[in-house]
Amino acid sequence: MSMWYTYVLLCDQKTFYVGVTDNPVARIGQHRNRKPLFTKKFFPPPPLSGGFA
């Protein structure tokens, strides 16, 4: 029997995303790479430039 993990991500300083996975390292990597199509709306797109105004 595998172990399951619950995780909470702060999405845009206003909302949280709660997920469940049996592989937290892979799942967080998917979030960082914006792979899960159904969670893309929770994460703002990366900035076009690396500088600050």
Protein backbone atom coordinates (compact mmCIF):
# COMPACT_ATOMS: atom_id res chain seq x y z
CA MET A 1 0.00 0.00 0.00
CA SER A 2 1.46 3.37 -1.00
CA MET A 3 1.54 6.46 1.18
CA TRP A 4 -0.50 9.49 0.10
CA TYR A 5 0.34 13.14 0.80
CA THR A 6 -1.81 16.24 1.05
CA TYR A 7 -0.17 19.49 -0.01
CA VAL A 8 -1.18 23.16 -0.06
CA LEU A 9 0.20 25.68 -2.58
CA LEU A 10 -0.09 29.46 -2.31
CA CYS A 11 -1.08 30.37 -5.85
CA ASP A 12 -1.23 34.12 -6.30
CA GLN A 13 -0.96 35.57 -2.79
CA LYS A 14 -4.77 35.32 -2.55
CA THR A 15 -5.75 31.70 -3.12
CA PHE A 16 -4.60 28.27 -2.09
CA TYR A 17 -4.57 25.04 -4.06
CA VAL A 18 -4.95 21.81 -2.09
CA GLY A 19 -3.90 18.57 -3.73
CA VAL A 20 -3.36 14.92 -2.95
CA THR A 21 -0.64 12.74 -4.48
CA ASP A 22 1.35 9.60 -3.88
CA ASN A 23 4.49 11.23 -5.37
CA PRO A 24 4.93 14.79 -4.03
CA VAL A 25 8.26 15.46 -5.76
CA ALA A 26 6.88 14.63 -9.20
CA ARG A 27 3.61 16.46 -8.56
CA ILE A 28 5.27 19.70 -7.45
CA GLY A 29 7.46 19.45 -10.55
CA GLN A 30 4.33 19.19 -12.68
CA HIS A 31 2.93 22.31 -11.05
CA ARG A 32 6.17 24.23 -11.59
CA ASN A 33 6.17 23.24 -15.27
CA ARG A 34 2.47 24.12 -15.54
CA LYS A 35 1.68 20.63 -16.86
CA PRO A 36 -1.65 19.84 -15.23
CA LEU A 37 -4.14 21.54 -17.52
CA PHE A 38 -6.84 21.76 -14.87
CA THR A 39 -4.58 23.69 -12.45
CA LYS A 40 -3.13 26.24 -14.89
CA LYS A 41 -5.86 28.74 -14.06
CA PHE A 42 -4.61 28.89 -10.47
CA PHE A 43 -1.08 29.94 -11.38
CA PRO A 44 -0.29 33.23 -13.09
CA PRO A 45 1.84 33.00 -16.24
CA PRO A 46 5.54 33.71 -15.74
CA PRO A 47 6.66 37.30 -16.35
CA LEU A 48 7.84 38.16 -19.85
CA SER A 49 11.05 39.72 -18.52
CA GLY A 50 13.13 39.03 -15.48
CA GLY A 51 13.47 42.69 -14.47
CA PHE A 52 11.42 44.79 -12.11
CA ALA A 53 9.91 48.16 -12.98
